[in-house]
Amino acid sequence: MIEKTLSIIKPDGVRKNIIGEVIKRFEANGLKVAAAKMKHLSLKEAQGFYAVHSARPFFSSLCEFMTSGPVLLMVLKGEGAIAKNRELMGATDPAKAAPGTIRKDFADSIESNIAHGSDAPETAAFEIGYFFSGLEIFE
């Protein structure tokens, strides 16, 4: 089934200058970039995006990290895009991520873990709509 998912190259990935490498991995595995834009998130935007985690102890540090520099926001499209994106990213904790995944190869820690990807169709719909209008997404 063709799906869309939100993918974010986080501030650490932008700082490390690996945007092209991350996109190359997505494209080499059948995902297409349907929309993309660079943005420096405000604290309010980060808090709204991660509101589902607002009661968690890591919420403040996560929002602080996500506003520490620009991010690359993307809509990825393809067969099973949500699961494929998550498989390519690897486990949230890079120490537990499979060899060859984005996080295993590039991430420094569980928090500075290079990338974000939606975890379910409902989450993807919310997350894509949070950052992109329908007119910005190319079919």
Protein backbone atom coordinates (compact mmCIF):
# COMPACT_ATOMS: atom_id res chain seq x y z
CA MET A 1 0.00 0.00 0.00
CA ILE A 2 1.35 3.42 -0.96
CA GLU A 3 1.67 5.58 2.16
CA LYS A 4 3.02 8.95 3.17
CA THR A 5 5.05 9.56 6.31
CA LEU A 6 6.74 12.52 7.93
CA SER A 7 10.49 12.35 8.22
CA ILE A 8 12.64 14.91 9.99
CA ILE A 9 16.39 15.19 9.80
CA LYS A 10 16.99 16.64 13.25
CA PRO A 11 19.41 19.46 14.15
CA ASP A 12 22.28 17.02 14.76
CA GLY A 13 21.89 15.55 11.27
CA VAL A 14 21.86 19.02 9.71
CA ARG A 15 24.94 20.03 11.75
CA LYS A 16 26.78 16.87 10.66
CA ASN A 17 26.05 17.74 7.01
CA ILE A 18 24.52 14.33 6.24
CA ILE A 19 21.20 15.44 4.71
CA GLY A 20 22.18 14.03 1.31
CA GLU A 21 23.29 10.71 2.76
CA VAL A 22 20.02 10.28 4.67
CA ILE A 23 17.88 11.14 1.63
CA LYS A 24 20.01 8.84 -0.53
CA ARG A 25 19.21 5.94 1.81
CA PHE A 26 15.48 6.67 1.63
CA GLU A 27 15.52 6.93 -2.16
CA ALA A 28 17.67 3.82 -2.61
CA ASN A 29 15.03 1.88 -0.69
CA GLY A 30 12.01 2.95 -2.73
CA LEU A 31 10.88 6.07 -0.87
CA LYS A 32 10.28 9.29 -2.79
CA VAL A 33 10.50 12.81 -1.36
CA ALA A 34 7.03 14.28 -1.96
CA ALA A 35 7.74 17.51 -0.04
CA ALA A 36 10.71 19.05 1.77
CA LYS A 37 11.61 22.26 3.56
CA MET A 38 14.23 23.50 5.96
CA LYS A 39 12.93 25.17 9.11
CA HIS A 40 14.26 26.36 12.44
CA LEU A 41 11.48 25.33 14.83
CA SER A 42 10.31 27.74 17.49
CA LEU A 43 9.86 26.41 21.02
CA LYS A 44 6.08 26.68 20.58
CA GLU A 45 6.22 24.65 17.34
CA ALA A 46 8.35 21.93 18.95
CA GLN A 47 6.10 21.78 22.01
CA GLY A 48 3.01 21.48 19.80
CA PHE A 49 4.56 18.80 17.62
CA TYR A 50 5.70 16.72 20.61
CA ALA A 51 2.61 17.47 22.76
CA VAL A 52 1.89 13.73 23.00
CA HIS A 53 5.06 13.48 25.12
CA SER A 54 4.37 16.56 27.31
CA ALA A 55 4.06 14.53 30.52
CA ARG A 56 7.27 12.57 29.89
CA PRO A 57 10.48 13.53 31.72
CA PHE A 58 12.39 14.06 28.45
CA PHE A 59 9.86 16.54 26.97
CA SER A 60 11.73 19.75 27.85
CA SER A 61 15.13 18.49 26.71
CA LEU A 62 13.60 17.10 23.50
CA CYS A 63 12.00 20.46 22.66
CA GLU A 64 15.23 22.27 23.53
CA PHE A 65 17.20 19.94 21.24
CA MET A 66 14.70 20.25 18.37
CA THR A 67 15.00 24.05 18.50
CA SER A 68 18.83 24.05 18.70
CA GLY A 69 19.23 24.43 14.94
CA PRO A 70 17.44 23.98 11.65
CA VAL A 71 15.74 20.72 10.69
CA LEU A 72 14.81 19.27 7.31
CA LEU A 73 11.13 18.37 7.20
CA MET A 74 10.09 15.87 4.53
CA VAL A 75 7.08 13.94 3.40
CA LEU A 76 8.20 10.55 2.14
CA LYS A 77 5.95 8.47 -0.09
CA GLY A 78 6.11 4.85 -1.12
CA GLU A 79 5.04 1.27 -0.57
CA GLY A 80 4.79 0.78 3.22
CA ALA A 81 6.53 4.14 3.74
CA ILE A 82 5.91 4.32 7.49
CA ALA A 83 7.48 0.96 8.32
CA LYS A 84 10.21 1.38 5.68
CA ASN A 85 11.25 4.78 7.09
CA ARG A 86 11.39 3.39 10.63
CA GLU A 87 13.37 0.34 9.49
CA LEU A 88 15.92 2.55 7.72
CA MET A 89 16.23 4.84 10.76
CA GLY A 90 16.79 2.00 13.21
CA ALA A 91 16.02 1.84 16.93
CA THR A 92 15.64 5.14 18.81
CA ASP A 93 18.72 4.26 20.86
CA PRO A 94 21.60 4.06 18.38
CA ALA A 95 23.38 1.58 20.66
CA LYS A 96 20.48 -0.82 20.01
CA ALA A 97 20.02 0.01 16.32
CA ALA A 98 20.80 -2.58 13.67
CA PRO A 99 24.04 -2.22 11.68
CA GLY A 100 23.62 -0.14 8.53
CA THR A 101 20.72 1.93 9.86
CA ILE A 102 20.83 5.71 9.89
CA ARG A 103 20.93 5.93 13.68
CA LYS A 104 23.57 3.21 14.09
CA ASP A 105 25.80 4.87 11.51
CA PHE A 106 25.37 8.53 12.49
CA ALA A 107 23.61 9.12 15.84
CA ASP A 108 25.39 10.05 19.07
CA SER A 109 22.72 9.22 21.65
CA ILE A 110 19.10 8.29 22.25
CA GLU A 111 18.20 11.99 22.13
CA SER A 112 20.60 13.16 19.41
CA ASN A 113 19.47 10.42 17.05
CA ILE A 114 19.52 12.15 13.64
CA ALA A 115 15.98 11.41 12.43
CA HIS A 116 12.29 11.25 13.26
CA GLY A 117 9.67 9.20 11.47
CA SER A 118 5.94 8.80 12.01
CA ASP A 119 4.99 5.55 13.76
CA ALA A 120 1.46 4.93 12.41
CA PRO A 121 -0.93 6.15 9.70
CA GLU A 122 -2.83 8.37 12.16
CA THR A 123 0.39 9.88 13.49
CA ALA A 124 1.66 10.44 9.95
CA ALA A 125 -1.54 12.29 8.99
CA PHE A 126 -1.26 14.60 12.03
CA GLU A 127 2.48 15.16 11.65
CA ILE A 128 2.37 15.85 7.91
CA GLY A 129 -0.52 18.30 8.43
CA TYR A 130 1.38 20.02 11.24
CA PHE A 131 4.14 21.14 8.87
CA PHE A 132 2.77 20.91 5.31
CA SER A 133 -0.33 22.10 3.48
CA GLY A 134 -1.78 19.85 0.82
CA LEU A 135 -0.53 22.26 -1.85
CA GLU A 136 3.09 21.65 -0.77
CA ILE A 137 2.94 17.87 -1.27
CA PHE A 138 3.60 16.55 -4.73
CA GLU A 139 1.88 13.40 -5.89
